[in-house]
N, C-alpha and C. Protein backbone atom coordinates (compact mmCIF):
# COMPACT_ATOMS: atom_id res chain seq x y z
N MET A 1 147.92 92.94 38.66
CA MET A 1 146.71 92.73 37.95
C MET A 1 146.73 93.99 36.70
N GLY A 2 146.58 94.20 35.54
CA GLY A 2 146.51 94.93 35.12
C GLY A 2 145.40 96.09 34.95
N LYS A 3 145.34 97.07 33.92
CA LYS A 3 143.77 97.83 34.42
C LYS A 3 143.42 97.39 32.84
N GLU A 4 142.09 97.67 32.72
CA GLU A 4 141.15 97.48 31.70
C GLU A 4 140.93 98.96 31.21
N ILE A 5 141.43 98.89 29.94
CA ILE A 5 141.64 100.48 29.24
C ILE A 5 141.00 100.25 28.08
N LEU A 6 139.82 101.48 27.73
CA LEU A 6 139.24 101.73 26.57
C LEU A 6 139.87 102.95 25.70
N VAL A 7 139.93 102.53 24.67
CA VAL A 7 140.87 103.50 23.96
C VAL A 7 139.72 103.88 22.62
N LEU A 8 139.01 105.07 22.69
CA LEU A 8 137.98 105.24 21.89
C LEU A 8 138.35 106.19 20.84
N THR A 9 138.39 105.64 19.56
CA THR A 9 139.11 106.39 18.65
C THR A 9 137.98 107.05 17.59
N GLY A 10 138.17 108.08 17.24
CA GLY A 10 137.27 108.95 16.30
C GLY A 10 137.57 109.25 14.85
N SER A 11 138.71 108.51 14.37
CA SER A 11 139.09 108.93 12.88
C SER A 11 138.57 108.19 12.08
N PRO A 12 137.89 108.69 10.91
CA PRO A 12 137.10 107.98 9.92
C PRO A 12 138.33 107.26 8.99
N ARG A 13 139.61 107.73 8.92
CA ARG A 13 140.80 107.59 8.11
C ARG A 13 141.23 106.12 8.68
N ARG A 14 140.97 105.17 8.29
CA ARG A 14 141.76 103.72 8.46
C ARG A 14 143.38 103.95 8.19
N LYS A 15 144.02 103.17 9.31
CA LYS A 15 145.44 103.21 9.15
C LYS A 15 145.89 104.52 9.24
N GLY A 16 145.32 105.71 9.65
CA GLY A 16 145.75 107.02 9.36
C GLY A 16 146.51 107.23 10.64
N ASN A 17 146.94 108.35 10.92
CA ASN A 17 147.90 108.97 12.00
C ASN A 17 147.32 108.80 13.39
N SER A 18 146.30 109.07 13.49
CA SER A 18 145.38 108.91 15.10
C SER A 18 145.48 107.47 15.13
N ASP A 19 144.74 106.82 14.03
CA ASP A 19 144.80 104.96 14.50
C ASP A 19 146.13 104.79 14.84
N ARG A 20 147.11 105.04 14.25
CA ARG A 20 148.45 104.47 14.32
C ARG A 20 148.96 104.99 16.13
N LEU A 21 148.55 106.30 16.35
CA LEU A 21 148.73 106.62 17.79
C LEU A 21 147.89 105.86 18.86
N ALA A 22 146.93 105.46 18.61
CA ALA A 22 146.01 104.49 19.61
C ALA A 22 146.65 103.17 19.43
N ASP A 23 147.02 102.45 17.92
CA ASP A 23 147.89 101.47 18.31
C ASP A 23 148.87 101.46 18.86
N ALA A 24 149.47 102.30 18.84
CA ALA A 24 151.27 102.39 19.35
C ALA A 24 150.82 102.56 21.40
N PHE A 25 149.73 103.22 21.40
CA PHE A 25 149.76 103.38 22.84
C PHE A 25 148.85 102.11 23.44
N ILE A 26 148.39 101.40 22.44
CA ILE A 26 147.89 99.87 23.03
C ILE A 26 148.92 98.88 22.91
N GLU A 27 150.14 99.22 22.26
CA GLU A 27 151.26 98.39 22.29
C GLU A 27 151.92 98.53 23.20
N GLY A 28 152.26 99.72 23.97
CA GLY A 28 152.52 100.00 25.17
C GLY A 28 151.95 99.73 26.56
N ALA A 29 150.55 99.70 26.26
CA ALA A 29 149.91 99.25 27.32
C ALA A 29 149.68 97.83 27.25
N LEU A 30 150.03 96.89 26.46
CA LEU A 30 149.88 95.52 26.76
C LEU A 30 151.25 95.01 27.01
N SER A 31 152.08 95.56 26.61
CA SER A 31 153.68 95.36 26.90
C SER A 31 153.81 95.52 28.87
N ALA A 32 152.58 96.06 28.88
CA ALA A 32 152.86 96.53 30.66
C ALA A 32 152.00 95.65 31.24
N GLY A 33 151.20 94.95 30.50
CA GLY A 33 150.35 93.56 31.50
C GLY A 33 148.81 94.42 31.32
N HIS A 34 148.46 95.37 30.34
CA HIS A 34 147.37 95.63 30.62
C HIS A 34 146.23 94.84 29.73
N ARG A 35 145.16 95.08 29.61
CA ARG A 35 144.32 94.94 28.92
C ARG A 35 143.66 96.06 27.79
N ALA A 36 143.76 96.33 26.59
CA ALA A 36 143.16 97.35 25.84
C ALA A 36 142.08 97.20 25.20
N HIS A 37 140.99 97.64 24.97
CA HIS A 37 139.85 97.58 24.26
C HIS A 37 139.61 99.01 23.21
N LYS A 38 139.75 98.79 21.97
CA LYS A 38 139.92 99.71 21.03
C LYS A 38 138.38 99.76 20.48
N PHE A 39 137.89 100.61 20.34
CA PHE A 39 136.48 101.02 19.76
C PHE A 39 136.62 102.16 18.97
N GLU A 40 136.31 101.66 17.57
CA GLU A 40 136.41 102.65 16.35
C GLU A 40 135.00 103.35 16.22
N ALA A 41 134.74 104.51 17.04
CA ALA A 41 133.45 104.86 16.77
C ALA A 41 132.97 105.52 15.20
N ALA A 42 133.96 105.96 14.46
CA ALA A 42 133.87 106.37 13.25
C ALA A 42 133.27 104.82 12.30
N TYR A 43 133.27 103.58 12.83
CA TYR A 43 132.86 102.67 12.01
C TYR A 43 131.88 101.95 12.63
N LYS A 44 130.90 102.92 13.57
CA LYS A 44 129.81 102.42 14.32
C LYS A 44 128.57 103.23 13.99
N ASN A 45 127.69 102.39 14.15
CA ASN A 45 126.43 103.40 14.23
C ASN A 45 125.97 103.71 14.93
N ILE A 46 126.58 105.06 15.57
CA ILE A 46 126.15 105.49 17.30
C ILE A 46 125.63 107.26 16.79
N HIS A 47 124.17 107.14 17.10
CA HIS A 47 123.07 108.34 16.83
C HIS A 47 123.47 109.29 17.93
N GLY A 48 123.41 110.64 17.87
CA GLY A 48 123.74 111.77 18.93
C GLY A 48 122.70 111.66 19.84
N CYS A 49 123.15 112.21 20.93
CA CYS A 49 122.16 112.35 22.46
C CYS A 49 121.08 113.05 21.46
N ARG A 50 120.08 112.55 22.38
CA ARG A 50 118.96 113.50 21.84
C ARG A 50 118.27 114.42 22.96
N ALA A 51 118.95 114.20 23.98
CA ALA A 51 118.81 114.99 25.06
C ALA A 51 116.70 114.80 25.67
N CYS A 52 116.46 113.58 25.70
CA CYS A 52 115.21 113.02 25.78
C CYS A 52 115.12 112.85 27.21
N ASN A 53 116.37 112.58 27.81
CA ASN A 53 115.98 112.50 29.35
C ASN A 53 115.79 111.00 29.65
N MET A 54 115.63 110.05 28.72
CA MET A 54 114.83 108.95 28.83
C MET A 54 115.87 108.09 29.36
N CYS A 55 117.02 108.31 29.97
CA CYS A 55 118.51 107.44 30.18
C CYS A 55 117.87 106.55 31.39
N TRP A 56 117.96 105.42 31.49
CA TRP A 56 117.85 104.45 32.18
C TRP A 56 116.52 104.36 32.82
N SER A 57 115.36 104.66 31.49
CA SER A 57 114.04 104.63 31.61
C SER A 57 113.67 103.03 31.49
N THR A 58 114.39 102.25 30.95
CA THR A 58 114.36 100.65 30.89
C THR A 58 114.47 100.02 31.99
N GLY A 59 115.38 100.69 33.11
CA GLY A 59 115.73 100.12 34.45
C GLY A 59 117.14 99.48 34.11
N THR A 60 117.66 98.91 32.95
CA THR A 60 118.72 98.00 32.84
C THR A 60 119.42 98.75 31.67
N GLU A 61 119.15 99.58 30.92
CA GLU A 61 119.90 100.35 29.70
C GLU A 61 120.35 101.55 29.84
N PRO A 62 121.38 101.91 29.59
CA PRO A 62 121.83 103.36 29.43
C PRO A 62 121.09 104.45 28.70
N CYS A 63 120.27 104.23 27.59
CA CYS A 63 120.19 104.68 26.42
C CYS A 63 118.60 103.93 26.03
N VAL A 64 117.69 104.79 25.19
CA VAL A 64 116.50 104.21 24.84
C VAL A 64 116.67 103.99 23.32
N VAL A 65 117.68 105.07 22.70
CA VAL A 65 118.16 104.83 21.15
C VAL A 65 118.90 103.49 21.14
N LYS A 66 118.52 102.73 20.29
CA LYS A 66 119.25 101.29 19.87
C LYS A 66 120.03 101.46 18.79
N ASP A 67 121.11 101.62 19.03
CA ASP A 67 122.45 101.65 18.26
C ASP A 67 123.65 101.02 18.72
N ASP A 68 124.65 101.03 17.97
CA ASP A 68 125.74 100.36 18.35
C ASP A 68 126.45 101.31 19.83
N PHE A 69 126.01 101.91 20.50
CA PHE A 69 126.54 102.36 21.56
C PHE A 69 126.33 101.35 22.77
N PHE A 70 125.56 100.42 22.40
CA PHE A 70 125.33 99.21 23.40
C PHE A 70 126.46 98.35 23.45
N GLU A 71 127.57 98.85 22.26
CA GLU A 71 128.63 97.60 22.52
C GLU A 71 129.63 98.55 22.91
N LEU A 72 129.75 100.07 23.02
CA LEU A 72 130.52 100.72 23.82
C LEU A 72 130.27 100.63 25.29
N ALA A 73 128.72 100.79 26.05
CA ALA A 73 128.30 100.83 27.25
C ALA A 73 129.04 99.76 28.05
N PRO A 74 129.36 98.72 27.69
CA PRO A 74 129.81 97.64 28.88
C PRO A 74 131.44 98.17 28.98
N LEU A 75 131.90 98.57 28.10
CA LEU A 75 133.39 98.98 27.95
C LEU A 75 133.40 100.28 29.09
N ILE A 76 132.40 101.12 28.97
CA ILE A 76 132.25 102.63 29.80
C ILE A 76 132.36 101.83 31.52
N GLU A 77 131.37 100.82 31.66
CA GLU A 77 130.61 100.22 32.97
C GLU A 77 132.09 99.48 33.57
N SER A 78 133.14 98.98 32.58
CA SER A 78 134.09 98.25 33.16
C SER A 78 135.69 98.70 33.03
N CYS A 79 136.03 99.55 32.36
CA CYS A 79 137.33 100.15 31.92
C CYS A 79 137.15 101.24 33.16
N SER A 80 138.87 101.51 33.81
CA SER A 80 139.19 102.04 34.68
C SER A 80 139.66 103.50 33.99
N LEU A 81 140.35 103.22 32.48
CA LEU A 81 141.14 104.34 32.08
C LEU A 81 140.40 104.30 30.77
N ALA A 82 140.16 105.81 30.15
CA ALA A 82 139.69 106.06 29.02
C ALA A 82 140.68 106.85 28.20
N VAL A 83 141.07 106.38 26.94
CA VAL A 83 141.79 107.24 26.12
C VAL A 83 141.32 107.57 24.91
N PHE A 84 141.27 108.69 24.56
CA PHE A 84 140.37 109.38 23.58
C PHE A 84 141.20 110.01 22.42
N VAL A 85 140.71 109.29 21.24
CA VAL A 85 141.93 109.61 20.10
C VAL A 85 141.04 110.20 18.99
N SER A 86 141.76 111.28 18.57
CA SER A 86 140.89 111.94 17.60
C SER A 86 142.20 112.70 16.73
N PRO A 87 141.61 112.98 15.40
CA PRO A 87 142.32 114.08 14.62
C PRO A 87 141.43 115.33 14.80
N LEU A 88 142.12 116.57 14.55
CA LEU A 88 141.59 117.79 14.89
C LEU A 88 140.76 118.04 13.67
N TYR A 89 139.61 118.25 13.28
CA TYR A 89 138.61 118.67 12.59
C TYR A 89 138.22 120.17 13.00
N PHE A 90 138.65 121.33 12.26
CA PHE A 90 137.75 122.51 12.51
C PHE A 90 137.89 122.68 14.12
N TRP A 91 139.10 123.03 14.65
CA TRP A 91 139.53 123.37 16.00
C TRP A 91 138.86 122.40 17.11
N GLY A 92 138.41 121.32 16.53
CA GLY A 92 137.71 120.21 17.61
C GLY A 92 137.71 119.11 17.25
N PHE A 93 137.30 118.29 18.08
CA PHE A 93 137.03 116.58 17.97
C PHE A 93 136.42 115.98 16.62
N SER A 94 136.78 115.13 16.00
CA SER A 94 135.80 114.62 15.09
C SER A 94 134.31 114.24 15.34
N SER A 95 133.59 114.69 14.60
CA SER A 95 132.37 114.31 14.98
C SER A 95 132.10 113.03 15.23
N GLN A 96 132.57 111.79 14.73
CA GLN A 96 132.25 110.31 15.22
C GLN A 96 132.69 110.19 16.98
N LEU A 97 133.93 110.62 17.18
CA LEU A 97 134.34 111.00 18.37
C LEU A 97 133.36 111.40 19.27
N LYS A 98 132.94 112.80 19.14
CA LYS A 98 132.20 113.45 19.83
C LYS A 98 130.67 112.96 20.18
N THR A 99 130.15 112.24 19.08
CA THR A 99 128.93 111.69 19.41
C THR A 99 129.01 110.38 20.08
N ALA A 100 129.88 109.51 20.03
CA ALA A 100 129.93 108.85 20.77
C ALA A 100 130.13 109.21 22.48
N TRP A 101 130.96 110.31 22.55
CA TRP A 101 131.37 110.57 23.93
C TRP A 101 130.17 111.36 24.57
N ASP A 102 129.48 112.06 23.99
CA ASP A 102 128.05 112.56 24.24
C ASP A 102 127.42 111.75 24.74
N ARG A 103 127.25 110.34 24.51
CA ARG A 103 126.50 109.64 25.16
C ARG A 103 126.69 109.04 26.29
N PHE A 104 128.03 109.12 26.78
CA PHE A 104 128.59 109.17 28.29
C PHE A 104 127.55 109.66 28.96
N TYR A 105 126.42 110.52 28.80
CA TYR A 105 126.00 111.53 29.46
C TYR A 105 124.91 110.55 30.47
N ALA A 106 124.51 109.65 30.16
CA ALA A 106 123.29 108.85 30.69
C ALA A 106 124.21 107.79 32.13
N TYR A 107 125.54 108.06 31.96
CA TYR A 107 125.94 107.90 33.30
C TYR A 107 126.51 108.75 34.41
N GLY A 108 126.22 110.08 34.16
CA GLY A 108 126.35 110.81 34.84
C GLY A 108 125.04 111.59 35.51
N ARG A 109 123.94 110.58 35.22
CA ARG A 109 123.08 111.35 35.98
C ARG A 109 122.45 110.25 37.39
N GLU A 110 122.04 110.95 38.06
CA GLU A 110 121.68 110.39 39.76
C GLU A 110 120.83 109.02 39.92
N ASP A 111 120.10 108.94 38.76
CA ASP A 111 119.07 108.10 38.79
C ASP A 111 119.52 106.79 37.78
N GLY A 112 120.53 106.75 37.70
CA GLY A 112 121.40 105.82 36.80
C GLY A 112 121.28 104.27 37.31
N ALA A 113 121.24 103.20 36.67
CA ALA A 113 121.27 102.15 37.37
C ALA A 113 122.71 101.50 37.35
N LYS A 114 123.66 102.38 36.46
CA LYS A 114 125.02 101.87 36.68
C LYS A 114 125.80 103.02 36.59
N ARG A 115 127.03 103.10 36.94
CA ARG A 115 128.05 104.31 37.21
C ARG A 115 129.05 104.04 36.00
N ILE A 116 129.86 105.01 35.80
CA ILE A 116 130.86 105.04 34.87
C ILE A 116 131.81 104.35 35.43
N ALA A 117 133.10 103.25 35.53
CA ALA A 117 133.89 103.12 35.81
C ALA A 117 135.22 103.73 35.73
N ILE A 118 135.23 104.54 34.32
CA ILE A 118 136.38 105.34 34.32
C ILE A 118 136.62 106.22 35.50
N ARG A 119 138.00 106.15 35.61
CA ARG A 119 138.50 107.03 36.73
C ARG A 119 139.69 107.73 36.31
N GLU A 120 140.32 107.36 34.99
CA GLU A 120 141.56 108.22 34.78
C GLU A 120 141.18 108.38 32.96
N SER A 121 142.02 109.10 32.61
CA SER A 121 141.88 109.60 31.06
C SER A 121 143.14 109.91 30.32
N ALA A 122 143.33 109.79 29.03
CA ALA A 122 144.28 110.63 28.23
C ALA A 122 143.65 110.80 26.85
N LEU A 123 144.35 111.81 26.49
CA LEU A 123 144.06 112.40 25.25
C LEU A 123 145.41 112.26 24.05
N LEU A 124 145.16 111.75 22.62
CA LEU A 124 145.97 111.86 21.90
C LEU A 124 145.20 112.09 20.76
N LEU A 125 145.78 113.01 20.21
CA LEU A 125 145.11 114.20 19.14
C LEU A 125 146.33 114.43 18.14
N THR A 126 145.79 114.67 16.73
CA THR A 126 146.82 114.65 15.52
C THR A 126 146.07 115.89 14.98
N LEU A 127 146.95 116.56 14.38
CA LEU A 127 146.41 118.03 13.51
C LEU A 127 147.59 118.19 12.29
N GLY A 128 147.16 118.75 11.03
CA GLY A 128 147.94 119.37 10.20
C GLY A 128 148.50 120.19 10.46
N ASP A 129 148.10 121.17 11.38
CA ASP A 129 148.60 122.42 11.59
C ASP A 129 149.65 122.63 12.57
N THR A 130 150.78 123.27 12.57
CA THR A 130 151.77 123.28 13.65
C THR A 130 151.59 124.31 14.80
N GLU A 131 150.78 125.24 14.95
CA GLU A 131 150.50 126.17 16.03
C GLU A 131 149.67 125.63 17.41
N ASP A 132 150.13 125.82 18.64
CA ASP A 132 149.82 125.41 19.45
C ASP A 132 148.05 125.56 19.63
N ALA A 133 147.97 127.19 19.14
CA ALA A 133 146.97 128.02 19.19
C ALA A 133 145.46 126.73 18.84
N THR A 134 145.84 126.17 17.65
CA THR A 134 144.85 125.55 16.88
C THR A 134 144.43 124.57 17.56
N CYS A 135 144.85 123.77 18.71
CA CYS A 135 144.45 122.47 19.15
C CYS A 135 143.99 122.75 20.74
N ARG A 136 144.20 124.26 20.96
CA ARG A 136 143.74 124.77 22.29
C ARG A 136 142.38 124.50 22.69
N HIS A 137 141.22 124.78 21.95
CA HIS A 137 139.94 124.57 22.39
C HIS A 137 139.97 123.06 22.50
N ALA A 138 140.09 121.97 21.79
CA ALA A 138 139.87 120.64 21.71
C ALA A 138 140.51 119.96 23.40
N VAL A 139 142.00 120.37 23.49
CA VAL A 139 142.44 120.25 24.64
C VAL A 139 141.77 120.93 25.92
N GLY A 140 141.72 121.74 25.82
CA GLY A 140 140.64 122.50 26.98
C GLY A 140 139.60 122.11 27.14
N THR A 141 138.30 121.47 26.13
CA THR A 141 137.58 120.65 26.31
C THR A 141 137.81 119.08 26.81
N TYR A 142 138.75 118.71 26.56
CA TYR A 142 139.09 117.35 27.17
C TYR A 142 139.23 117.45 28.69
N ARG A 143 140.12 118.70 28.81
CA ARG A 143 140.44 118.70 30.34
C ARG A 143 139.19 119.30 31.16
N ASP A 144 138.41 120.04 30.64
CA ASP A 144 136.91 120.51 31.39
C ASP A 144 136.20 118.87 31.31
N ILE A 145 136.18 118.34 30.89
CA ILE A 145 135.33 117.18 30.71
C ILE A 145 135.81 116.26 31.70
N ALA A 146 137.38 115.81 31.57
CA ALA A 146 138.13 115.29 32.96
C ALA A 146 137.90 115.67 34.07
N GLU A 147 138.12 117.09 34.35
CA GLU A 147 137.62 117.80 35.81
C GLU A 147 136.21 117.48 35.97
N TYR A 148 135.33 117.67 35.32
CA TYR A 148 133.87 117.55 35.65
C TYR A 148 133.37 116.32 36.14
N LEU A 149 134.30 115.28 35.42
CA LEU A 149 133.78 113.95 35.66
C LEU A 149 134.82 113.29 36.82
N GLY A 150 135.56 114.01 37.24
CA GLY A 150 136.69 113.69 38.27
C GLY A 150 137.51 112.76 37.92
N TRP A 151 138.09 112.77 36.73
CA TRP A 151 138.93 111.66 35.93
C TRP A 151 140.43 112.51 36.33
N LYS A 152 141.41 111.53 36.49
CA LYS A 152 142.62 112.04 36.97
C LYS A 152 143.43 111.89 35.47
N ASP A 153 144.00 112.94 35.02
CA ASP A 153 144.34 113.13 33.53
C ASP A 153 145.90 112.66 33.75
N ARG A 154 145.88 111.25 32.87
CA ARG A 154 147.52 110.53 32.76
C ARG A 154 148.15 111.17 31.65
N GLY A 155 147.64 112.18 30.74
CA GLY A 155 148.57 112.53 29.71
C GLY A 155 147.93 113.05 28.29
N ILE A 156 148.40 113.83 27.84
CA ILE A 156 147.87 114.65 26.74
C ILE A 156 149.14 114.45 25.60
N ILE A 157 149.05 114.19 24.38
CA ILE A 157 150.03 113.90 23.31
C ILE A 157 148.97 114.40 22.01
N VAL A 158 149.85 115.49 21.48
CA VAL A 158 149.54 116.20 20.34
C VAL A 158 150.18 116.04 19.40
N ALA A 159 150.13 115.73 18.10
CA ALA A 159 151.28 115.26 16.96
C ALA A 159 150.44 116.27 16.01
N LYS A 160 151.23 117.42 15.92
CA LYS A 160 151.03 118.50 15.07
C LYS A 160 151.95 118.38 13.98
N GLY A 161 151.28 118.91 12.53
CA GLY A 161 152.00 118.66 11.64
C GLY A 161 151.82 117.59 10.50
N VAL A 162 150.89 116.54 10.92
CA VAL A 162 150.77 115.30 10.45
C VAL A 162 149.28 115.74 9.44
N ASN A 163 149.82 115.79 8.19
CA ASN A 163 148.76 116.09 7.03
C ASN A 163 148.47 114.56 6.45
N GLY A 164 149.69 113.80 5.78
CA GLY A 164 149.75 112.93 5.09
C GLY A 164 149.25 111.78 6.10
N LYS A 165 148.74 111.06 5.44
CA LYS A 165 148.23 109.52 5.89
C LYS A 165 148.93 108.82 7.15
N THR A 166 150.17 109.07 6.74
CA THR A 166 151.50 108.09 7.48
C THR A 166 152.33 109.12 7.87
N ASP A 167 152.09 110.33 8.15
CA ASP A 167 153.24 111.22 8.34
C ASP A 167 153.49 111.12 10.03
N VAL A 168 152.56 110.31 10.93
CA VAL A 168 152.98 110.15 12.24
C VAL A 168 153.69 109.36 12.36
N ALA A 169 154.33 108.71 11.46
CA ALA A 169 155.32 107.56 11.44
C ALA A 169 156.66 107.95 11.58
N LYS A 170 156.78 109.38 11.50
CA LYS A 170 158.13 109.88 11.63
C LYS A 170 158.03 110.90 12.72
N HIS A 171 156.90 110.84 13.30
CA HIS A 171 156.77 111.98 14.46
C HIS A 171 157.08 111.43 15.94
N PRO A 172 157.86 112.03 16.87
CA PRO A 172 158.12 111.71 18.19
C PRO A 172 156.90 111.26 18.86
N ALA A 173 155.52 111.78 18.32
CA ALA A 173 154.13 111.37 19.30
C ALA A 173 153.93 109.97 19.30
N LEU A 174 154.39 109.14 18.20
CA LEU A 174 154.37 107.96 18.01
C LEU A 174 155.09 106.89 19.13
N SER A 175 156.15 107.22 19.38
CA SER A 175 156.79 106.78 20.58
C SER A 175 156.54 107.38 21.93
N GLN A 176 156.18 108.56 21.93
CA GLN A 176 155.69 109.10 22.96
C GLN A 176 154.04 108.25 23.53
N ALA A 177 153.16 108.07 22.34
CA ALA A 177 152.12 107.08 22.80
C ALA A 177 152.56 105.80 23.18
N ARG A 178 153.36 105.25 22.82
CA ARG A 178 153.78 103.98 23.19
C ARG A 178 154.12 103.75 24.68
N GLU A 179 155.10 104.82 24.71
CA GLU A 179 155.64 105.02 26.24
C GLU A 179 154.70 105.54 27.38
N LEU A 180 153.59 106.11 26.86
CA LEU A 180 152.49 106.53 27.83
C LEU A 180 151.98 105.09 28.16
N GLY A 181 151.46 104.27 27.09
CA GLY A 181 150.82 103.31 27.23
C GLY A 181 151.23 102.37 28.17
N ARG A 182 153.10 102.17 28.06
CA ARG A 182 153.91 101.28 29.00
C ARG A 182 154.01 102.18 30.21
N SER A 183 153.90 103.56 30.37
CA SER A 183 154.08 103.76 31.71
C SER A 183 152.84 104.01 32.38
N ILE A 184 151.88 103.36 32.11
CA ILE A 184 150.56 103.48 32.84
C ILE A 184 150.58 102.67 34.13
N ALA A 185 151.40 101.61 34.22
CA ALA A 185 151.54 100.74 35.44
C ALA A 185 152.08 101.57 36.48
N ALA A 186 153.11 102.43 36.19
CA ALA A 186 153.77 103.01 37.09
C ALA A 186 152.84 104.35 37.76
N ILE A 187 151.93 104.78 37.11
CA ILE A 187 151.30 105.76 37.59
C ILE A 187 149.95 104.87 38.58
N ALA A 188 149.60 104.95 39.35
CA ALA A 188 148.93 104.23 40.51
C ALA A 188 147.75 105.55 40.55
């Protein structure tokens, strides 16, 4: 039986480079018999964490802020692998991805009614620059979060030098993302 995979994207640019990487990963994962759920945070109404510490205060819901996070929550609770996909904006993840990701906070609380199901993760990142140093903070943040949450990193793919909306179509990262999705079955 295949894995349930959450592909959480953060690009506000439809059919752009990071969106194409996400789709390539999904294509590979589907071909290996997995189920992939693409959640496009940039097109959802998700508010930032307010640090109110009211998580699970209703007893059944992760957050008291009523927004589209409630569409994402069931995927956090059911998917064993999360793939985070973002363009690099000013040395970090897009605000749309970061806003959704910050709301995972509720699942790390000891008093939470439900736990995060995610045990593995991957990162797909695009950037216009070609220098490794430009993405080191975002990659480091991803690694730190994965380590903190006890997730096994399944791979990091960085597509550098993709400024134009479809530049990734000629970039090796596209086939790497497809292969990463396909290879998930081989990684237990």
